Every structure is written in C-alpha cells, then in structure tokens.
Amino acid sequence: MALRLYAAADEVYWAVKLSLLWTIGTLAGGVVLGVGPATLAAYTIARRHAAGETGSSFVRAYRVEFRRGSAVVLPIAAAMTLLVINYHWLTDRAAKNTTLAALALLAVIAAHLLPMAVHYDLRTPALLPKASLFALLRLPASVLLLFTAVAIGYAVIAYPVLLVVAVGGWIQLNTWLCLRLFAENEALRNARGIT
C-alpha cells in the first residue's frame, strides 16, 4: 500500500512539474510563439518518462521543436479558438451542436496528433492526415481520450486548484494512452505483414 501511495505521489509530482515547464515554456515564447514548442517539448519528455528514460531535458526539446511545434500546434489552437468563439456567439441550437461536434472531433484528432508528432518520425504535413485517420479508425480509443479530456476539464472547472496538475496530467495520460495504442497498432500491422 505504501508503495502505491508513493508511486501515485510521484506521478502527481511529475504532472505538476510538467505543467510548470509547459507554462514557463509558453510564457517564454510570448504565449503565441511559445505554446507550440512548449507543447511538443512537454510531450517529448512525457514520452521519455513513460518509457522509463531519465535525463529528459525540456529546454533541449523546446529548442529542437521550436519551429515544428509552432507549425503543428498553432493551427489546431487557432481552429479550436474559433470554434469555441463560434459556439458562444451562436444562438441556433442546431448550429451550436454542429460546432460542438466539430470541436470534439478536432480535440480527438489533436489528442492523437500531439503524441504521434513526438513518437513517429513523420514530416509535419503528414501528421494531420495520419492522426485523423487513426482517430477515425480507432473509435473506442478516441471516445476514451475525449471522455478523459472532458473529465479533466470538468474537474478543473469544479476545483480550479487542479489547474496546477491538469495540463501536465493530461499530457502524461494522453501520451501513455497513445503509446499503448501505437504499440497495439504496430503489433497488428506486423501480424498482418503490413510495412
């Protein structure tokens, strides 16, 4: 029991550390230019942490991912922002529901895309089609990721103090889940002889 509590406390500490690194990295780039590299750097060190690797450097990952991070994250962030604004300004219920569905789909694609960006050696233009295909073909996993993101969002709204751990917790959990999905997908492809 004591070992489980220690492991849980260690994961909470890691999530808080990841949240702080992401926040500092985002602010260091003036938010707009910092959110992309900070996000990919956080996913990079979360992937290494999930794999049991030590010595991950957020600063090094931030520098390496500066250009690509902006190219990957900014379009998604801009689209999500526009959808949220659109949702709040619309008065027609059907239009609101359509906007909410588009926002959910984009969130699920982003939940696959960000871990995919740091796990696979793919060119930036290839990420969105691959992540979209993966999200649409793996519906149970997509529903699980969406449910997890919504649950974290509701928890933060109910208890704002959880924001300290929410970003890092989501990044770590999203990375962990997606690494399992990627490994399962690769095993399936190998079993079928697909390269």
C-alpha atoms as a PDB file:
ATOM      1  CA  MET A   1       0.000   0.000   0.000  1.00  0.00           C
ATOM      2  CA  ALA A   2       2.805   2.410   0.869  1.00  0.00           C
ATOM      3  CA  LEU A   3       4.491   1.709  -2.481  1.00  0.00           C
ATOM      4  CA  ARG A   4       1.270   2.504  -4.346  1.00  0.00           C
ATOM      5  CA  LEU A   5       0.886   5.783  -2.472  1.00  0.00           C
ATOM      6  CA  TYR A   6       4.500   6.661  -3.211  1.00  0.00           C
ATOM      7  CA  ALA A   7       4.035   5.853  -6.918  1.00  0.00           C
ATOM      8  CA  ALA A   8       0.829   7.930  -7.040  1.00  0.00           C
ATOM      9  CA  ALA A   9       2.541  10.865  -5.299  1.00  0.00           C
ATOM     10  CA  ASP A  10       5.452  10.574  -7.731  1.00  0.00           C
ATOM     11  CA  GLU A  11       3.062  10.769 -10.713  1.00  0.00           C
ATOM     12  CA  VAL A  12       1.295  13.803  -9.225  1.00  0.00           C
ATOM     13  CA  TYR A  13       4.675  15.474  -8.670  1.00  0.00           C
ATOM     14  CA  TRP A  14       5.633  14.673 -12.268  1.00  0.00           C
ATOM     15  CA  ALA A  15       2.348  16.127 -13.564  1.00  0.00           C
ATOM     16  CA  VAL A  16       2.858  19.344 -11.572  1.00  0.00           C
ATOM     17  CA  LYS A  17       6.441  19.617 -12.859  1.00  0.00           C
ATOM     18  CA  LEU A  18       5.270  19.057 -16.437  1.00  0.00           C
ATOM     19  CA  SER A  19       2.540  21.697 -16.017  1.00  0.00           C
ATOM     20  CA  LEU A  20       5.049  24.227 -14.720  1.00  0.00           C
ATOM     21  CA  LEU A  21       7.538  23.505 -17.514  1.00  0.00           C
ATOM     22  CA  TRP A  22       4.782  23.855 -20.116  1.00  0.00           C
ATOM     23  CA  THR A  23       3.608  27.145 -18.572  1.00  0.00           C
ATOM     24  CA  ILE A  24       7.118  28.587 -18.394  1.00  0.00           C
ATOM     25  CA  GLY A  25       7.859  27.492 -21.971  1.00  0.00           C
ATOM     26  CA  THR A  26       4.609  29.009 -23.220  1.00  0.00           C
ATOM     27  CA  LEU A  27       5.277  32.310 -21.460  1.00  0.00           C
ATOM     28  CA  ALA A  28       8.914  32.337 -22.639  1.00  0.00           C
ATOM     29  CA  GLY A  29       7.679  32.474 -26.220  1.00  0.00           C
ATOM     30  CA  GLY A  30       5.161  35.218 -25.515  1.00  0.00           C
ATOM     31  CA  VAL A  31       2.285  32.691 -25.456  1.00  0.00           C
ATOM     32  CA  VAL A  32       1.606  32.677 -29.229  1.00  0.00           C
ATOM     33  CA  LEU A  33       5.148  31.696 -30.200  1.00  0.00           C
ATOM     34  CA  GLY A  34       5.690  29.630 -27.056  1.00  0.00           C
ATOM     35  CA  VAL A  35       2.648  27.362 -26.899  1.00  0.00           C
ATOM     36  CA  GLY A  36       3.715  25.173 -29.847  1.00  0.00           C
ATOM     37  CA  PRO A  37       7.279  24.370 -28.833  1.00  0.00           C
ATOM     38  CA  ALA A  38       6.287  24.125 -25.154  1.00  0.00           C
ATOM     39  CA  THR A  39       3.565  21.611 -26.004  1.00  0.00           C
ATOM     40  CA  LEU A  40       5.770  19.399 -28.177  1.00  0.00           C
ATOM     41  CA  ALA A  41       8.623  19.643 -25.666  1.00  0.00           C
ATOM     42  CA  ALA A  42       6.248  18.570 -22.878  1.00  0.00           C
ATOM     43  CA  TYR A  43       5.020  15.644 -24.980  1.00  0.00           C
ATOM     44  CA  THR A  44       8.633  14.700 -25.771  1.00  0.00           C
ATOM     45  CA  ILE A  45       9.681  14.469 -22.141  1.00  0.00           C
ATOM     46  CA  ALA A  46       6.364  12.811 -21.208  1.00  0.00           C
ATOM     47  CA  ARG A  47       7.077  10.136 -23.834  1.00  0.00           C
ATOM     48  CA  ARG A  48      10.551   9.591 -22.394  1.00  0.00           C
ATOM     49  CA  HIS A  49       9.136   9.465 -18.869  1.00  0.00           C
ATOM     50  CA  ALA A  50       6.511   6.896 -19.921  1.00  0.00           C
ATOM     51  CA  ALA A  51       9.273   4.797 -21.480  1.00  0.00           C
ATOM     52  CA  GLY A  52      11.267   4.927 -18.224  1.00  0.00           C
ATOM     53  CA  GLU A  53      14.063   7.056 -19.674  1.00  0.00           C
ATOM     54  CA  THR A  54      15.774   9.566 -17.405  1.00  0.00           C
ATOM     55  CA  GLY A  55      17.634  12.765 -18.105  1.00  0.00           C
ATOM     56  CA  SER A  56      14.988  14.326 -20.342  1.00  0.00           C
ATOM     57  CA  SER A  57      15.703  17.985 -20.976  1.00  0.00           C
ATOM     58  CA  PHE A  58      12.702  20.235 -21.541  1.00  0.00           C
ATOM     59  CA  VAL A  59      14.925  23.120 -22.661  1.00  0.00           C
ATOM     60  CA  ARG A  60      16.672  20.991 -25.302  1.00  0.00           C
ATOM     61  CA  ALA A  61      13.347  19.629 -26.569  1.00  0.00           C
ATOM     62  CA  TYR A  62      11.919  23.177 -26.620  1.00  0.00           C
ATOM     63  CA  ARG A  63      14.775  24.403 -28.806  1.00  0.00           C
ATOM     64  CA  VAL A  64      14.579  21.412 -31.154  1.00  0.00           C
ATOM     65  CA  GLU A  65      10.797  21.663 -31.521  1.00  0.00           C
ATOM     66  CA  PHE A  66      10.545  25.465 -31.773  1.00  0.00           C
ATOM     67  CA  ARG A  67       9.711  25.750 -35.469  1.00  0.00           C
ATOM     68  CA  ARG A  68       7.861  22.451 -35.859  1.00  0.00           C
ATOM     69  CA  GLY A  69       5.958  22.977 -32.607  1.00  0.00           C
ATOM     70  CA  SER A  70       4.512  26.211 -33.893  1.00  0.00           C
ATOM     71  CA  ALA A  71       3.628  24.628 -37.238  1.00  0.00           C
ATOM     72  CA  VAL A  72       1.831  21.735 -35.533  1.00  0.00           C
ATOM     73  CA  VAL A  73       0.120  23.401 -32.569  1.00  0.00           C
ATOM     74  CA  LEU A  74      -0.808  26.913 -33.742  1.00  0.00           C
ATOM     75  CA  PRO A  75      -3.259  25.842 -36.494  1.00  0.00           C
ATOM     76  CA  ILE A  76      -5.007  23.474 -34.068  1.00  0.00           C
ATOM     77  CA  ALA A  77      -5.124  26.127 -31.332  1.00  0.00           C
ATOM     78  CA  ALA A  78      -6.457  28.727 -33.792  1.00  0.00           C
ATOM     79  CA  ALA A  79      -9.162  26.372 -35.094  1.00  0.00           C
ATOM     80  CA  MET A  80     -10.207  25.410 -31.549  1.00  0.00           C
ATOM     81  CA  THR A  81     -10.334  29.061 -30.510  1.00  0.00           C
ATOM     82  CA  LEU A  82     -12.522  29.949 -33.489  1.00  0.00           C
ATOM     83  CA  LEU A  83     -14.853  27.020 -32.783  1.00  0.00           C
ATOM     84  CA  VAL A  84     -15.197  27.994 -29.108  1.00  0.00           C
ATOM     85  CA  ILE A  85     -15.928  31.632 -30.053  1.00  0.00           C
ATOM     86  CA  ASN A  86     -18.392  30.449 -32.681  1.00  0.00           C
ATOM     87  CA  TYR A  87     -20.127  28.191 -30.140  1.00  0.00           C
ATOM     88  CA  HIS A  88     -20.578  31.038 -27.663  1.00  0.00           C
ATOM     89  CA  TRP A  89     -21.886  33.509 -30.239  1.00  0.00           C
ATOM     90  CA  LEU A  90     -24.339  31.196 -31.966  1.00  0.00           C
ATOM     91  CA  THR A  91     -27.967  31.214 -30.879  1.00  0.00           C
ATOM     92  CA  ASP A  92     -29.338  28.420 -33.082  1.00  0.00           C
ATOM     93  CA  ARG A  93     -29.294  25.097 -31.211  1.00  0.00           C
ATOM     94  CA  ALA A  94     -28.525  23.003 -34.317  1.00  0.00           C
ATOM     95  CA  ALA A  95     -25.581  25.245 -35.239  1.00  0.00           C
ATOM     96  CA  LYS A  96     -24.286  25.065 -31.661  1.00  0.00           C
ATOM     97  CA  ASN A  97     -24.471  21.256 -31.726  1.00  0.00           C
ATOM     98  CA  THR A  98     -22.642  21.126 -35.070  1.00  0.00           C
ATOM     99  CA  THR A  99     -19.929  23.413 -33.720  1.00  0.00           C
ATOM    100  CA  LEU A 100     -19.635  21.295 -30.577  1.00  0.00           C
ATOM    101  CA  ALA A 101     -19.288  18.121 -32.683  1.00  0.00           C
ATOM    102  CA  ALA A 102     -16.566  19.786 -34.798  1.00  0.00           C
ATOM    103  CA  LEU A 103     -14.765  20.868 -31.618  1.00  0.00           C
ATOM    104  CA  ALA A 104     -14.941  17.326 -30.210  1.00  0.00           C
ATOM    105  CA  LEU A 105     -13.601  15.865 -33.469  1.00  0.00           C
ATOM    106  CA  LEU A 106     -10.743  18.374 -33.558  1.00  0.00           C
ATOM    107  CA  ALA A 107      -9.918  17.643 -29.897  1.00  0.00           C
ATOM    108  CA  VAL A 108      -9.760  13.903 -30.594  1.00  0.00           C
ATOM    109  CA  ILE A 109      -7.548  14.424 -33.643  1.00  0.00           C
ATOM    110  CA  ALA A 110      -5.252  16.684 -31.596  1.00  0.00           C
ATOM    111  CA  ALA A 111      -5.144  14.073 -28.816  1.00  0.00           C
ATOM    112  CA  HIS A 112      -3.733  11.586 -31.339  1.00  0.00           C
ATOM    113  CA  LEU A 113      -1.634  14.086 -33.297  1.00  0.00           C
ATOM    114  CA  LEU A 114       0.494  15.504 -30.476  1.00  0.00           C
ATOM    115  CA  PRO A 115       1.835  12.171 -29.144  1.00  0.00           C
ATOM    116  CA  MET A 116       2.201  11.000 -32.758  1.00  0.00           C
ATOM    117  CA  ALA A 117       4.355  14.054 -33.541  1.00  0.00           C
ATOM    118  CA  VAL A 118       6.942  13.068 -30.929  1.00  0.00           C
ATOM    119  CA  HIS A 119       6.679   9.289 -31.327  1.00  0.00           C
ATOM    120  CA  TYR A 120       6.986   8.834 -35.073  1.00  0.00           C
ATOM    121  CA  ASP A 121       9.458  10.367 -37.481  1.00  0.00           C
ATOM    122  CA  LEU A 122       6.841  11.967 -39.734  1.00  0.00           C
ATOM    123  CA  ARG A 123       7.029  15.158 -41.717  1.00  0.00           C
ATOM    124  CA  THR A 124       4.771  17.908 -40.391  1.00  0.00           C
ATOM    125  CA  PRO A 125       2.321  17.881 -43.353  1.00  0.00           C
ATOM    126  CA  ALA A 126       1.799  14.120 -42.901  1.00  0.00           C
ATOM    127  CA  LEU A 127       0.778  14.400 -39.244  1.00  0.00           C
ATOM    128  CA  LEU A 128      -2.766  15.712 -39.642  1.00  0.00           C
ATOM    129  CA  PRO A 129      -3.926  13.105 -42.197  1.00  0.00           C
ATOM    130  CA  LYS A 130      -2.339  10.242 -40.213  1.00  0.00           C
ATOM    131  CA  ALA A 131      -3.764  11.435 -36.887  1.00  0.00           C
ATOM    132  CA  SER A 132      -7.198  11.985 -38.448  1.00  0.00           C
ATOM    133  CA  LEU A 133      -7.216   8.501 -39.940  1.00  0.00           C
ATOM    134  CA  PHE A 134      -6.037   6.969 -36.678  1.00  0.00           C
ATOM    135  CA  ALA A 135      -8.699   8.860 -34.693  1.00  0.00           C
ATOM    136  CA  LEU A 136     -11.491   7.807 -37.047  1.00  0.00           C
ATOM    137  CA  LEU A 137     -10.439   4.157 -37.317  1.00  0.00           C
ATOM    138  CA  ARG A 138      -9.873   3.695 -33.583  1.00  0.00           C
ATOM    139  CA  LEU A 139     -13.234   4.962 -32.324  1.00  0.00           C
ATOM    140  CA  PRO A 140     -13.187   3.310 -28.860  1.00  0.00           C
ATOM    141  CA  ALA A 141      -9.782   4.863 -28.161  1.00  0.00           C
ATOM    142  CA  SER A 142     -10.975   8.215 -29.493  1.00  0.00           C
ATOM    143  CA  VAL A 143     -14.044   8.116 -27.237  1.00  0.00           C
ATOM    144  CA  LEU A 144     -11.815   7.242 -24.260  1.00  0.00           C
ATOM    145  CA  LEU A 145      -9.476  10.170 -24.995  1.00  0.00           C
ATOM    146  CA  LEU A 146     -12.399  12.563 -25.417  1.00  0.00           C
ATOM    147  CA  PHE A 147     -14.041  11.336 -22.212  1.00  0.00           C
ATOM    148  CA  THR A 148     -10.756  11.742 -20.314  1.00  0.00           C
ATOM    149  CA  ALA A 149     -10.242  15.283 -21.616  1.00  0.00           C
ATOM    150  CA  VAL A 150     -13.810  16.279 -20.725  1.00  0.00           C
ATOM    151  CA  ALA A 151     -13.466  14.737 -17.255  1.00  0.00           C
ATOM    152  CA  ILE A 152     -10.268  16.689 -16.622  1.00  0.00           C
ATOM    153  CA  GLY A 153     -11.958  19.858 -17.889  1.00  0.00           C
ATOM    154  CA  TYR A 154     -14.937  19.402 -15.567  1.00  0.00           C
ATOM    155  CA  ALA A 155     -12.646  18.644 -12.626  1.00  0.00           C
ATOM    156  CA  VAL A 156     -10.714  21.872 -13.241  1.00  0.00           C
ATOM    157  CA  ILE A 157     -13.951  23.878 -13.539  1.00  0.00           C
ATOM    158  CA  ALA A 158     -15.233  22.388 -10.276  1.00  0.00           C
ATOM    159  CA  TYR A 159     -11.890  22.705  -8.461  1.00  0.00           C
ATOM    160  CA  PRO A 160      -9.719  25.396 -10.116  1.00  0.00           C
ATOM    161  CA  VAL A 161      -6.755  24.480  -7.896  1.00  0.00           C
ATOM    162  CA  LEU A 162      -6.403  21.325 -10.043  1.00  0.00           C
ATOM    163  CA  LEU A 163      -5.181  23.521 -12.896  1.00  0.00           C
ATOM    164  CA  VAL A 164      -1.718  23.178 -11.352  1.00  0.00           C
ATOM    165  CA  VAL A 165      -1.716  19.488 -12.223  1.00  0.00           C
ATOM    166  CA  ALA A 166      -4.248  19.371 -15.104  1.00  0.00           C
ATOM    167  CA  VAL A 167      -2.057  20.304 -18.081  1.00  0.00           C
ATOM    168  CA  GLY A 168       0.798  18.015 -17.093  1.00  0.00           C
ATOM    169  CA  GLY A 169      -1.615  15.297 -16.033  1.00  0.00           C
ATOM    170  CA  TRP A 170      -3.387  15.420 -19.395  1.00  0.00           C
ATOM    171  CA  ILE A 171      -0.130  15.412 -21.350  1.00  0.00           C
ATOM    172  CA  GLN A 172       1.194  12.454 -19.365  1.00  0.00           C
ATOM    173  CA  LEU A 173      -2.052  10.474 -19.528  1.00  0.00           C
ATOM    174  CA  ASN A 174      -2.590  11.263 -23.211  1.00  0.00           C
ATOM    175  CA  THR A 175       0.968  10.204 -24.017  1.00  0.00           C
ATOM    176  CA  TRP A 176       0.676   6.996 -22.005  1.00  0.00           C
ATOM    177  CA  LEU A 177      -2.618   6.011 -23.648  1.00  0.00           C
ATOM    178  CA  CYS A 178      -1.446   6.856 -27.159  1.00  0.00           C
ATOM    179  CA  LEU A 179       1.838   4.968 -26.761  1.00  0.00           C
ATOM    180  CA  ARG A 180      -0.215   1.872 -25.910  1.00  0.00           C
ATOM    181  CA  LEU A 181      -2.450   2.474 -28.925  1.00  0.00           C
ATOM    182  CA  PHE A 182       0.543   2.970 -31.217  1.00  0.00           C
ATOM    183  CA  ALA A 183       2.205  -0.217 -29.927  1.00  0.00           C
ATOM    184  CA  GLU A 184      -1.027  -2.168 -30.423  1.00  0.00           C
ATOM    185  CA  ASN A 185      -1.401  -0.761 -33.936  1.00  0.00           C
ATOM    186  CA  GLU A 186       2.198  -1.638 -34.836  1.00  0.00           C
ATOM    187  CA  ALA A 187       1.780  -5.181 -33.477  1.00  0.00           C
ATOM    188  CA  LEU A 188      -1.370  -5.596 -35.559  1.00  0.00           C
ATOM    189  CA  ARG A 189       0.349  -4.298 -38.675  1.00  0.00           C
ATOM    190  CA  ASN A 190       3.323  -6.628 -38.111  1.00  0.00           C
ATOM    191  CA  ALA A 191       0.988  -9.593 -37.618  1.00  0.00           C
ATOM    192  CA  ARG A 192      -0.662  -8.786 -40.940  1.00  0.00           C
ATOM    193  CA  GLY A 193       2.679  -8.229 -42.665  1.00  0.00           C
ATOM    194  CA  ILE A 194       1.993  -4.539 -43.402  1.00  0.00           C
ATOM    195  CA  THR A 195       5.060  -2.295 -43.540  1.00  0.00           C
END
